[in-house]
Amino acid sequence: MRIYTECSRLSTQVRNDANTLVDREAEIYCPLCKRRPSTADRWWCHPHCGTVWNTFWTRGLCPGCGHQWLDTQCMGCGKWSPHESWYHYPDEHDESTDEAKVEREELETT
């Protein structure tokens, strides 16, 4: 899985303290070097099915074969990081790393 540069965002819904749904918009960038993917960037599902797509459209799930990528490689720094740790939500502690650890554990035990 590969990345280039520029800004991406992802909207999600979460429940606030009043238990109502609110939209949160995540900034998407490499947790190590802070490079941002662009909507034109594509990753390659290798060595699985060979599909080329933007991994942030599907939150790391290959639309060709259904492989769930747990890690994403940054072309800026060349390092791999948990896919979920690329999602950064403003005005909160960086829960993306915590969520990535939980998701990895759940996927590895199933």
PDB file of N, CA and C in Angstrom:
ATOM      1  N   MET A   1       0.856  -1.149   0.000  1.00  0.00           N
ATOM      2  CA  MET A   1       0.000   0.000   0.000  1.00  0.00           C
ATOM      3  C   MET A   1       0.907   1.217   0.000  1.00  0.00           C
ATOM      4  N   ARG A   2       0.603   2.200  -0.837  1.00  0.00           N
ATOM      5  CA  ARG A   2       1.482   3.343  -1.014  1.00  0.00           C
ATOM      6  C   ARG A   2       0.717   4.663  -0.891  1.00  0.00           C
ATOM      7  N   ILE A   3       1.438   5.708  -0.564  1.00  0.00           N
ATOM      8  CA  ILE A   3       0.834   7.031  -0.413  1.00  0.00           C
ATOM      9  C   ILE A   3       1.721   8.092  -1.046  1.00  0.00           C
ATOM     10  N   TYR A   4       1.129   9.198  -1.457  1.00  0.00           N
ATOM     11  CA  TYR A   4       1.892  10.320  -1.999  1.00  0.00           C
ATOM     12  C   TYR A   4       1.690  11.534  -1.103  1.00  0.00           C
ATOM     13  N   THR A   5       1.036  12.614  -1.540  1.00  0.00           N
ATOM     14  CA  THR A   5       0.872  13.786  -0.677  1.00  0.00           C
ATOM     15  C   THR A   5      -0.522  14.389  -0.789  1.00  0.00           C
ATOM     16  N   GLU A   6      -0.720  15.478  -0.099  1.00  0.00           N
ATOM     17  CA  GLU A   6      -1.880  16.351  -0.106  1.00  0.00           C
ATOM     18  C   GLU A   6      -2.906  15.984   0.943  1.00  0.00           C
ATOM     19  N   CYS A   7      -3.990  16.724   1.006  1.00  0.00           N
ATOM     20  CA  CYS A   7      -4.945  16.665   2.119  1.00  0.00           C
ATOM     21  C   CYS A   7      -6.125  15.738   1.842  1.00  0.00           C
ATOM     22  N   SER A   8      -6.512  14.987   2.826  1.00  0.00           N
ATOM     23  CA  SER A   8      -7.717  14.159   2.769  1.00  0.00           C
ATOM     24  C   SER A   8      -8.459  14.301   4.090  1.00  0.00           C
ATOM     25  N   ARG A   9      -9.758  14.113   4.029  1.00  0.00           N
ATOM     26  CA  ARG A   9     -10.588  14.164   5.234  1.00  0.00           C
ATOM     27  C   ARG A   9     -11.622  13.051   5.161  1.00  0.00           C
ATOM     28  N   LEU A  10     -12.094  12.634   6.315  1.00  0.00           N
ATOM     29  CA  LEU A  10     -13.112  11.599   6.402  1.00  0.00           C
ATOM     30  C   LEU A  10     -14.107  12.004   7.471  1.00  0.00           C
ATOM     31  N   SER A  11     -15.367  11.962   7.138  1.00  0.00           N
ATOM     32  CA  SER A  11     -16.409  12.279   8.123  1.00  0.00           C
ATOM     33  C   SER A  11     -16.908  10.987   8.748  1.00  0.00           C
ATOM     34  N   THR A  12     -17.097  11.014  10.048  1.00  0.00           N
ATOM     35  CA  THR A  12     -17.678   9.885  10.765  1.00  0.00           C
ATOM     36  C   THR A  12     -18.704  10.432  11.741  1.00  0.00           C
ATOM     37  N   GLN A  13     -19.586   9.590  12.204  1.00  0.00           N
ATOM     38  CA  GLN A  13     -20.553   9.995  13.207  1.00  0.00           C
ATOM     39  C   GLN A  13     -20.200   9.319  14.520  1.00  0.00           C
ATOM     40  N   VAL A  14     -20.267  10.079  15.589  1.00  0.00           N
ATOM     41  CA  VAL A  14     -20.016   9.558  16.930  1.00  0.00           C
ATOM     42  C   VAL A  14     -21.087  10.106  17.861  1.00  0.00           C
ATOM     43  N   ARG A  15     -21.208   9.526  19.012  1.00  0.00           N
ATOM     44  CA  ARG A  15     -22.166  10.013  20.003  1.00  0.00           C
ATOM     45  C   ARG A  15     -21.436  10.952  20.965  1.00  0.00           C
ATOM     46  N   ASN A  16     -22.051  12.082  21.256  1.00  0.00           N
ATOM     47  CA  ASN A  16     -21.454  13.019  22.199  1.00  0.00           C
ATOM     48  C   ASN A  16     -21.938  12.696  23.610  1.00  0.00           C
ATOM     49  N   ASP A  17     -21.609  13.572  24.567  1.00  0.00           N
ATOM     50  CA  ASP A  17     -21.981  13.330  25.962  1.00  0.00           C
ATOM     51  C   ASP A  17     -23.489  13.260  26.165  1.00  0.00           C
ATOM     52  N   ALA A  18     -24.247  13.925  25.302  1.00  0.00           N
ATOM     53  CA  ALA A  18     -25.707  13.894  25.404  1.00  0.00           C
ATOM     54  C   ALA A  18     -26.296  12.700  24.657  1.00  0.00           C
ATOM     55  N   ASN A  19     -25.444  11.791  24.204  1.00  0.00           N
ATOM     56  CA  ASN A  19     -25.821  10.574  23.492  1.00  0.00           C
ATOM     57  C   ASN A  19     -26.549  10.866  22.177  1.00  0.00           C
ATOM     58  N   THR A  20     -26.180  11.970  21.534  1.00  0.00           N
ATOM     59  CA  THR A  20     -26.720  12.272  20.209  1.00  0.00           C
ATOM     60  C   THR A  20     -25.606  12.137  19.180  1.00  0.00           C
ATOM     61  N   LEU A  21     -25.990  11.757  17.957  1.00  0.00           N
ATOM     62  CA  LEU A  21     -24.993  11.581  16.914  1.00  0.00           C
ATOM     63  C   LEU A  21     -24.516  12.937  16.409  1.00  0.00           C
ATOM     64  N   VAL A  22     -23.196  13.070  16.284  1.00  0.00           N
ATOM     65  CA  VAL A  22     -22.600  14.270  15.715  1.00  0.00           C
ATOM     66  C   VAL A  22     -21.564  13.830  14.677  1.00  0.00           C
ATOM     67  N   ASP A  23     -21.387  14.655  13.656  1.00  0.00           N
ATOM     68  CA  ASP A  23     -20.380  14.365  12.652  1.00  0.00           C
ATOM     69  C   ASP A  23     -19.020  14.836  13.148  1.00  0.00           C
ATOM     70  N   ARG A  24     -18.016  14.006  12.913  1.00  0.00           N
ATOM     71  CA  ARG A  24     -16.638  14.395  13.167  1.00  0.00           C
ATOM     72  C   ARG A  24     -15.889  14.211  11.867  1.00  0.00           C
ATOM     73  N   GLU A  25     -15.049  15.142  11.548  1.00  0.00           N
ATOM     74  CA  GLU A  25     -14.270  15.042  10.337  1.00  0.00           C
ATOM     75  C   GLU A  25     -12.826  14.768  10.715  1.00  0.00           C
ATOM     76  N   ALA A  26     -12.317  13.646  10.259  1.00  0.00           N
ATOM     77  CA  ALA A  26     -10.937  13.278  10.552  1.00  0.00           C
ATOM     78  C   ALA A  26     -10.014  13.870   9.509  1.00  0.00           C
ATOM     79  N   GLU A  27      -8.865  14.308   9.960  1.00  0.00           N
ATOM     80  CA  GLU A  27      -7.801  14.648   9.041  1.00  0.00           C
ATOM     81  C   GLU A  27      -7.011  13.363   8.839  1.00  0.00           C
ATOM     82  N   ILE A  28      -6.662  13.083   7.592  1.00  0.00           N
ATOM     83  CA  ILE A  28      -5.939  11.856   7.283  1.00  0.00           C
ATOM     84  C   ILE A  28      -4.516  12.214   6.897  1.00  0.00           C
ATOM     85  N   TYR A  29      -3.573  11.695   7.674  1.00  0.00           N
ATOM     86  CA  TYR A  29      -2.157  11.917   7.362  1.00  0.00           C
ATOM     87  C   TYR A  29      -1.309  10.875   8.069  1.00  0.00           C
ATOM     88  N   CYS A  30      -0.094  10.698   7.548  1.00  0.00           N
ATOM     89  CA  CYS A  30       0.828   9.708   8.107  1.00  0.00           C
ATOM     90  C   CYS A  30       1.107  10.055   9.570  1.00  0.00           C
ATOM     91  N   PRO A  31       0.956   9.112  10.478  1.00  0.00           N
ATOM     92  CA  PRO A  31       1.201   9.391  11.888  1.00  0.00           C
ATOM     93  C   PRO A  31       2.674   9.615  12.200  1.00  0.00           C
ATOM     94  N   LEU A  32       3.552   9.255  11.266  1.00  0.00           N
ATOM     95  CA  LEU A  32       4.987   9.402  11.505  1.00  0.00           C
ATOM     96  C   LEU A  32       5.560  10.688  10.918  1.00  0.00           C
ATOM     97  N   CYS A  33       5.263  10.976   9.653  1.00  0.00           N
ATOM     98  CA  CYS A  33       5.864  12.147   9.001  1.00  0.00           C
ATOM     99  C   CYS A  33       4.855  13.236   8.669  1.00  0.00           C
ATOM    100  N   LYS A  34       3.567  12.977   8.883  1.00  0.00           N
ATOM    101  CA  LYS A  34       2.473  13.946   8.680  1.00  0.00           C
ATOM    102  C   LYS A  34       2.121  14.224   7.219  1.00  0.00           C
ATOM    103  N   ARG A  35       2.628  13.464   6.277  1.00  0.00           N
ATOM    104  CA  ARG A  35       2.244  13.654   4.877  1.00  0.00           C
ATOM    105  C   ARG A  35       0.797  13.232   4.686  1.00  0.00           C
ATOM    106  N   ARG A  36       0.076  13.987   3.844  1.00  0.00           N
ATOM    107  CA  ARG A  36      -1.341  13.760   3.610  1.00  0.00           C
ATOM    108  C   ARG A  36      -1.564  13.122   2.236  1.00  0.00           C
ATOM    109  N   PRO A  37      -2.421  12.095   2.172  1.00  0.00           N
ATOM    110  CA  PRO A  37      -2.736  11.504   0.863  1.00  0.00           C
ATOM    111  C   PRO A  37      -3.678  12.410   0.083  1.00  0.00           C
ATOM    112  N   SER A  38      -3.599  12.340  -1.229  1.00  0.00           N
ATOM    113  CA  SER A  38      -4.552  13.084  -2.054  1.00  0.00           C
ATOM    114  C   SER A  38      -5.617  12.117  -2.548  1.00  0.00           C
ATOM    115  N   THR A  39      -6.725  12.649  -3.024  1.00  0.00           N
ATOM    116  CA  THR A  39      -7.785  11.781  -3.542  1.00  0.00           C
ATOM    117  C   THR A  39      -7.338  11.072  -4.814  1.00  0.00           C
ATOM    118  N   ALA A  40      -6.298  11.554  -5.469  1.00  0.00           N
ATOM    119  CA  ALA A  40      -5.786  10.918  -6.688  1.00  0.00           C
ATOM    120  C   ALA A  40      -4.812   9.785  -6.386  1.00  0.00           C
ATOM    121  N   ASP A  41      -4.370   9.649  -5.163  1.00  0.00           N
ATOM    122  CA  ASP A  41      -3.407   8.602  -4.801  1.00  0.00           C
ATOM    123  C   ASP A  41      -4.044   7.224  -4.856  1.00  0.00           C
ATOM    124  N   ARG A  42      -3.245   6.243  -5.186  1.00  0.00           N
ATOM    125  CA  ARG A  42      -3.726   4.859  -5.290  1.00  0.00           C
ATOM    126  C   ARG A  42      -2.744   3.914  -4.606  1.00  0.00           C
ATOM    127  N   TRP A  43      -3.299   2.858  -4.009  1.00  0.00           N
ATOM    128  CA  TRP A  43      -2.523   1.785  -3.405  1.00  0.00           C
ATOM    129  C   TRP A  43      -2.766   0.525  -4.206  1.00  0.00           C
ATOM    130  N   TRP A  44      -1.876  -0.421  -4.102  1.00  0.00           N
ATOM    131  CA  TRP A  44      -1.924  -1.656  -4.873  1.00  0.00           C
ATOM    132  C   TRP A  44      -2.049  -2.819  -3.899  1.00  0.00           C
ATOM    133  N   CYS A  45      -3.037  -3.666  -4.112  1.00  0.00           N
ATOM    134  CA  CYS A  45      -3.243  -4.838  -3.253  1.00  0.00           C
ATOM    135  C   CYS A  45      -2.278  -5.930  -3.703  1.00  0.00           C
ATOM    136  N   HIS A  46      -1.093  -5.888  -3.133  1.00  0.00           N
ATOM    137  CA  HIS A  46      -0.039  -6.839  -3.496  1.00  0.00           C
ATOM    138  C   HIS A  46       0.476  -7.480  -2.227  1.00  0.00           C
ATOM    139  N   PRO A  47       0.575  -8.754  -2.132  1.00  0.00           N
ATOM    140  CA  PRO A  47       0.546  -9.787  -3.175  1.00  0.00           C
ATOM    141  C   PRO A  47      -0.806 -10.460  -3.346  1.00  0.00           C
ATOM    142  N   HIS A  48      -1.866  -9.820  -2.959  1.00  0.00           N
ATOM    143  CA  HIS A  48      -3.185 -10.446  -3.029  1.00  0.00           C
ATOM    144  C   HIS A  48      -3.774 -10.377  -4.445  1.00  0.00           C
ATOM    145  N   CYS A  49      -4.735  -9.495  -4.695  1.00  0.00           N
ATOM    146  CA  CYS A  49      -5.474  -9.553  -5.967  1.00  0.00           C
ATOM    147  C   CYS A  49      -5.000  -8.567  -7.037  1.00  0.00           C
ATOM    148  N   GLY A  50      -4.188  -7.588  -6.674  1.00  0.00           N
ATOM    149  CA  GLY A  50      -3.690  -6.630  -7.649  1.00  0.00           C
ATOM    150  C   GLY A  50      -4.583  -5.424  -7.895  1.00  0.00           C
ATOM    151  N   THR A  51      -5.677  -5.295  -7.151  1.00  0.00           N
ATOM    152  CA  THR A  51      -6.557  -4.136  -7.310  1.00  0.00           C
ATOM    153  C   THR A  51      -5.801  -2.856  -6.952  1.00  0.00           C
ATOM    154  N   VAL A  52      -6.096  -1.790  -7.699  1.00  0.00           N
ATOM    155  CA  VAL A  52      -5.524  -0.472  -7.437  1.00  0.00           C
ATOM    156  C   VAL A  52      -6.670   0.453  -7.040  1.00  0.00           C
ATOM    157  N   TRP A  53      -6.579   1.092  -5.886  1.00  0.00           N
ATOM    158  CA  TRP A  53      -7.648   1.966  -5.380  1.00  0.00           C
ATOM    159  C   TRP A  53      -7.086   2.889  -4.310  1.00  0.00           C
ATOM    160  N   ASN A  54      -7.898   3.842  -3.879  1.00  0.00           N
ATOM    161  CA  ASN A  54      -7.504   4.715  -2.777  1.00  0.00           C
ATOM    162  C   ASN A  54      -7.946   4.055  -1.479  1.00  0.00           C
ATOM    163  N   THR A  55      -6.995   3.632  -0.682  1.00  0.00           N
ATOM    164  CA  THR A  55      -7.281   2.867   0.527  1.00  0.00           C
ATOM    165  C   THR A  55      -8.122   3.624   1.542  1.00  0.00           C
ATOM    166  N   PHE A  56      -8.109   4.969   1.465  1.00  0.00           N
ATOM    167  CA  PHE A  56      -8.889   5.744   2.421  1.00  0.00           C
ATOM    168  C   PHE A  56     -10.359   5.852   2.033  1.00  0.00           C
ATOM    169  N   TRP A  57     -10.705   5.451   0.814  1.00  0.00           N
ATOM    170  CA  TRP A  57     -12.117   5.376   0.426  1.00  0.00           C
ATOM    171  C   TRP A  57     -12.812   4.232   1.152  1.00  0.00           C
ATOM    172  N   THR A  58     -12.046   3.191   1.492  1.00  0.00           N
ATOM    173  CA  THR A  58     -12.627   1.973   2.064  1.00  0.00           C
ATOM    174  C   THR A  58     -12.078   1.645   3.446  1.00  0.00           C
ATOM    175  N   ARG A  59     -11.340   2.566   4.023  1.00  0.00           N
ATOM    176  CA  ARG A  59     -10.722   2.377   5.336  1.00  0.00           C
ATOM    177  C   ARG A  59      -9.842   1.117   5.367  1.00  0.00           C
ATOM    178  N   GLY A  60      -9.101   0.923   4.253  1.00  0.00           N
ATOM    179  CA  GLY A  60      -8.127  -0.160   4.188  1.00  0.00           C
ATOM    180  C   GLY A  60      -8.659  -1.489   3.694  1.00  0.00           C
ATOM    181  N   LEU A  61      -9.914  -1.553   3.286  1.00  0.00           N
ATOM    182  CA  LEU A  61     -10.506  -2.802   2.808  1.00  0.00           C
ATOM    183  C   LEU A  61     -10.404  -2.861   1.286  1.00  0.00           C
ATOM    184  N   CYS A  62      -9.704  -3.855   0.742  1.00  0.00           N
ATOM    185  CA  CYS A  62      -9.550  -3.971  -0.703  1.00  0.00           C
ATOM    186  C   CYS A  62     -10.902  -4.290  -1.334  1.00  0.00           C
ATOM    187  N   PRO A  63     -11.346  -3.454  -2.298  1.00  0.00           N
ATOM    188  CA  PRO A  63     -12.628  -3.726  -2.945  1.00  0.00           C
ATOM    189  C   PRO A  63     -12.573  -4.903  -3.915  1.00  0.00           C
ATOM    190  N   GLY A  64     -11.370  -5.343  -4.269  1.00  0.00           N
ATOM    191  CA  GLY A  64     -11.230  -6.460  -5.199  1.00  0.00           C
ATOM    192  C   GLY A  64     -11.368  -7.822  -4.541  1.00  0.00           C
ATOM    193  N   CYS A  65     -10.686  -7.994  -3.410  1.00  0.00           N
ATOM    194  CA  CYS A  65     -10.670  -9.324  -2.781  1.00  0.00           C
ATOM    195  C   CYS A  65     -11.156  -9.328  -1.337  1.00  0.00           C
ATOM    196  N   GLY A  66     -11.405  -8.139  -0.772  1.00  0.00           N
ATOM    197  CA  GLY A  66     -11.891  -8.075   0.601  1.00  0.00           C
ATOM    198  C   GLY A  66     -10.805  -8.176   1.651  1.00  0.00           C
ATOM    199  N   HIS A  67      -9.530  -8.153   1.233  1.00  0.00           N
ATOM    200  CA  HIS A  67      -8.439  -8.197   2.214  1.00  0.00           C
ATOM    201  C   HIS A  67      -8.450  -6.909   3.031  1.00  0.00           C
ATOM    202  N   GLN A  68      -8.409  -7.025   4.342  1.00  0.00           N
ATOM    203  CA  GLN A  68      -8.360  -5.860   5.220  1.00  0.00           C
ATOM    204  C   GLN A  68      -6.906  -5.534   5.524  1.00  0.00           C
ATOM    205  N   TRP A  69      -6.436  -4.416   4.972  1.00  0.00           N
ATOM    206  CA  TRP A  69      -5.070  -3.979   5.240  1.00  0.00           C
ATOM    207  C   TRP A  69      -5.028  -3.336   6.616  1.00  0.00           C
ATOM    208  N   LEU A  70      -4.217  -3.884   7.501  1.00  0.00           N
ATOM    209  CA  LEU A  70      -4.082  -3.343   8.850  1.00  0.00           C
ATOM    210  C   LEU A  70      -3.051  -2.231   8.892  1.00  0.00           C
ATOM    211  N   ASP A  71      -2.138  -2.219   7.929  1.00  0.00           N
ATOM    212  CA  ASP A  71      -1.078  -1.224   7.874  1.00  0.00           C
ATOM    213  C   ASP A  71      -1.074  -0.536   6.519  1.00  0.00           C
ATOM    214  N   THR A  72      -0.611   0.711   6.491  1.00  0.00           N
ATOM    215  CA  THR A  72      -0.511   1.500   5.268  1.00  0.00           C
ATOM    216  C   THR A  72       0.890   2.082   5.200  1.00  0.00           C
ATOM    217  N   GLN A  73       1.510   1.996   4.019  1.00  0.00           N
ATOM    218  CA  GLN A  73       2.860   2.526   3.843  1.00  0.00           C
ATOM    219  C   GLN A  73       2.812   3.964   3.336  1.00  0.00           C
ATOM    220  N   CYS A  74       3.640   4.802   3.896  1.00  0.00           N
ATOM    221  CA  CYS A  74       3.743   6.195   3.478  1.00  0.00           C
ATOM    222  C   CYS A  74       4.898   6.349   2.496  1.00  0.00           C
ATOM    223  N   MET A  75       4.611   6.954   1.350  1.00  0.00           N
ATOM    224  CA  MET A  75       5.675   7.213   0.381  1.00  0.00           C
ATOM    225  C   MET A  75       6.546   8.381   0.823  1.00  0.00           C
ATOM    226  N   GLY A  76       6.056   9.196   1.724  1.00  0.00           N
ATOM    227  CA  GLY A  76       6.860  10.296   2.238  1.00  0.00           C
ATOM    228  C   GLY A  76       8.042   9.782   3.036  1.00  0.00           C
ATOM    229  N   CYS A  77       7.759   8.934   4.021  1.00  0.00           N
ATOM    230  CA  CYS A  77       8.832   8.408   4.874  1.00  0.00           C
ATOM    231  C   CYS A  77       9.135   6.941   4.578  1.00  0.00           C
ATOM    232  N   GLY A  78       8.259   6.288   3.805  1.00  0.00           N
ATOM    233  CA  GLY A  78       8.473   4.890   3.442  1.00  0.00           C
ATOM    234  C   GLY A  78       8.152   3.892   4.536  1.00  0.00           C
ATOM    235  N   LYS A  79       7.647   4.359   5.666  1.00  0.00           N
ATOM    236  CA  LYS A  79       7.371   3.466   6.791  1.00  0.00           C
ATOM    237  C   LYS A  79       5.909   3.042   6.808  1.00  0.00           C
ATOM    238  N   TRP A  80       5.669   1.886   7.433  1.00  0.00           N
ATOM    239  CA  TRP A  80       4.325   1.335   7.586  1.00  0.00           C
ATOM    240  C   TRP A  80       3.788   1.710   8.961  1.00  0.00           C
ATOM    241  N   SER A  81       2.516   2.069   8.999  1.00  0.00           N
ATOM    242  CA  SER A  81       1.835   2.388  10.259  1.00  0.00           C
ATOM    243  C   SER A  81       0.467   1.723  10.247  1.00  0.00           C
ATOM    244  N   PRO A  82      -0.096   1.460  11.427  1.00  0.00           N
ATOM    245  CA  PRO A  82      -1.456   0.924  11.453  1.00  0.00           C
ATOM    246  C   PRO A  82      -2.384   1.857  10.673  1.00  0.00           C
ATOM    247  N   HIS A  83      -3.219   1.273   9.826  1.00  0.00           N
ATOM    248  CA  HIS A  83      -4.092   2.085   8.975  1.00  0.00           C
ATOM    249  C   HIS A  83      -4.942   3.042   9.802  1.00  0.00           C
ATOM    250  N   GLU A  84      -5.504   2.576  10.889  1.00  0.00           N
ATOM    251  CA  GLU A  84      -6.388   3.419  11.703  1.00  0.00           C
ATOM    252  C   GLU A  84      -5.655   4.594  12.332  1.00  0.00           C
ATOM    253  N   SER A  85      -4.333   4.494  12.482  1.00  0.00           N
ATOM    254  CA  SER A  85      -3.595   5.606  13.100  1.00  0.00           C
ATOM    255  C   SER A  85      -3.408   6.773  12.142  1.00  0.00           C
ATOM    256  N   TRP A  86      -3.835   6.641  10.889  1.00  0.00           N
ATOM    257  CA  TRP A  86      -3.801   7.736   9.923  1.00  0.00           C
ATOM    258  C   TRP A  86      -4.953   8.710  10.130  1.00  0.00           C
ATOM    259  N   TYR A  87      -5.994   8.328  10.866  1.00  0.00           N
ATOM    260  CA  TYR A  87      -7.177   9.158  11.062  1.00  0.00           C
ATOM    261  C   TYR A  87      -7.008   9.971  12.337  1.00  0.00           C
ATOM    262  N   HIS A  88      -6.978  11.294  12.195  1.00  0.00           N
ATOM    263  CA  HIS A  88      -6.740  12.188  13.325  1.00  0.00           C
ATOM    264  C   HIS A  88      -7.953  13.102  13.490  1.00  0.00           C
ATOM    265  N   TYR A  89      -8.545  13.075  14.684  1.00  0.00           N
ATOM    266  CA  TYR A  89      -9.746  13.863  14.978  1.00  0.00           C
ATOM    267  C   TYR A  89      -9.368  15.087  15.813  1.00  0.00           C
ATOM    268  N   PRO A  90      -9.810  16.275  15.401  1.00  0.00           N
ATOM    269  CA  PRO A  90      -9.462  17.495  16.139  1.00  0.00           C
ATOM    270  C   PRO A  90     -10.140  17.543  17.501  1.00  0.00           C
ATOM    271  N   ASP A  91      -9.539  18.322  18.390  1.00  0.00           N
ATOM    272  CA  ASP A  91     -10.097  18.598  19.717  1.00  0.00           C
ATOM    273  C   ASP A  91     -10.234  17.372  20.605  1.00  0.00           C
ATOM    274  N   GLU A  92      -9.456  16.344  20.337  1.00  0.00           N
ATOM    275  CA  GLU A  92      -9.475  15.158  21.195  1.00  0.00           C
ATOM    276  C   GLU A  92      -8.068  14.604  21.282  1.00  0.00           C
ATOM    277  N   HIS A  93      -7.809  13.777  22.282  1.00  0.00           N
ATOM    278  CA  HIS A  93      -6.516  13.110  22.312  1.00  0.00           C
ATOM    279  C   HIS A  93      -6.444  12.191  21.106  1.00  0.00           C
ATOM    280  N   ASP A  94      -5.269  11.773  20.739  1.00  0.00           N
ATOM    281  CA  ASP A  94      -5.114  10.975  19.524  1.00  0.00           C
ATOM    282  C   ASP A  94      -5.560   9.549  19.784  1.00  0.00           C
ATOM    283  N   GLU A  95      -6.892   9.359  19.698  1.00  0.00           N
ATOM    284  CA  GLU A  95      -7.469   8.049  19.957  1.00  0.00           C
ATOM    285  C   GLU A  95      -7.274   7.097  18.792  1.00  0.00           C
ATOM    286  N   SER A  96      -6.856   7.615  17.643  1.00  0.00           N
ATOM    287  CA  SER A  96      -6.720   6.753  16.469  1.00  0.00           C
ATOM    288  C   SER A  96      -5.719   5.634  16.719  1.00  0.00           C
ATOM    289  N   THR A  97      -4.642   5.921  17.470  1.00  0.00           N
ATOM    290  CA  THR A  97      -3.660   4.891  17.757  1.00  0.00           C
ATOM    291  C   THR A  97      -4.258   3.824  18.661  1.00  0.00           C
ATOM    292  N   ASP A  98      -5.029   4.241  19.683  1.00  0.00           N
ATOM    293  CA  ASP A  98      -5.685   3.283  20.573  1.00  0.00           C
ATOM    294  C   ASP A  98      -6.663   2.411  19.793  1.00  0.00           C
ATOM    295  N   GLU A  99      -7.464   3.029  18.925  1.00  0.00           N
ATOM    296  CA  GLU A  99      -8.432   2.286  18.129  1.00  0.00           C
ATOM    297  C   GLU A  99      -7.743   1.319  17.185  1.00  0.00           C
ATOM    298  N   ALA A 100      -6.618   1.712  16.635  1.00  0.00           N
ATOM    299  CA  ALA A 100      -5.874   0.841  15.723  1.00  0.00           C
ATOM    300  C   ALA A 100      -5.393  -0.410  16.453  1.00  0.00           C
ATOM    301  N   LYS A 101      -4.932  -0.246  17.687  1.00  0.00           N
ATOM    302  CA  LYS A 101      -4.467  -1.398  18.464  1.00  0.00           C
ATOM    303  C   LYS A 101      -5.610  -2.356  18.746  1.00  0.00           C
ATOM    304  N   VAL A 102      -6.757  -1.823  19.142  1.00  0.00           N
ATOM    305  CA  VAL A 102      -7.933  -2.660  19.431  1.00  0.00           C
ATOM    306  C   VAL A 102      -8.392  -3.378  18.167  1.00  0.00           C
ATOM    307  N   GLU A 103      -8.486  -2.636  17.052  1.00  0.00           N
ATOM    308  CA  GLU A 103      -8.935  -3.255  15.798  1.00  0.00           C
ATOM    309  C   GLU A 103      -7.970  -4.360  15.357  1.00  0.00           C
ATOM    310  N   ARG A 104      -6.669  -4.110  15.461  1.00  0.00           N
ATOM    311  CA  ARG A 104      -5.673  -5.113  15.085  1.00  0.00           C
ATOM    312  C   ARG A 104      -5.850  -6.382  15.913  1.00  0.00           C
ATOM    313  N   GLU A 105      -6.029  -6.209  17.232  1.00  0.00           N
ATOM    314  CA  GLU A 105      -6.208  -7.368  18.103  1.00  0.00           C
ATOM    315  C   GLU A 105      -7.459  -8.138  17.738  1.00  0.00           C
ATOM    316  N   GLU A 106      -8.555  -7.426  17.450  1.00  0.00           N
ATOM    317  CA  GLU A 106      -9.813  -8.099  17.084  1.00  0.00           C
ATOM    318  C   GLU A 106      -9.658  -8.866  15.776  1.00  0.00           C
ATOM    319  N   LEU A 107      -9.025  -8.257  14.782  1.00  0.00           N
ATOM    320  CA  LEU A 107      -8.866  -8.912  13.494  1.00  0.00           C
ATOM    321  C   LEU A 107      -7.904 -10.096  13.556  1.00  0.00           C
ATOM    322  N   GLU A 108      -6.870  -9.981  14.379  1.00  0.00           N
ATOM    323  CA  GLU A 108      -5.899 -11.069  14.473  1.00  0.00           C
ATOM    324  C   GLU A 108      -6.423 -12.271  15.251  1.00  0.00           C
ATOM    325  N   THR A 109      -7.431 -12.040  16.106  1.00  0.00           N
ATOM    326  CA  THR A 109      -7.981 -13.157  16.882  1.00  0.00           C
ATOM    327  C   THR A 109      -9.151 -13.825  16.198  1.00  0.00           C
ATOM    328  N   THR A 110      -9.627 -13.253  15.069  1.00  0.00           N
ATOM    329  CA  THR A 110     -10.753 -13.868  14.357  1.00  0.00           C
ATOM    330  C   THR A 110     -10.274 -14.688  13.186  1.00  0.00           C
TER     331      THR A 110
END
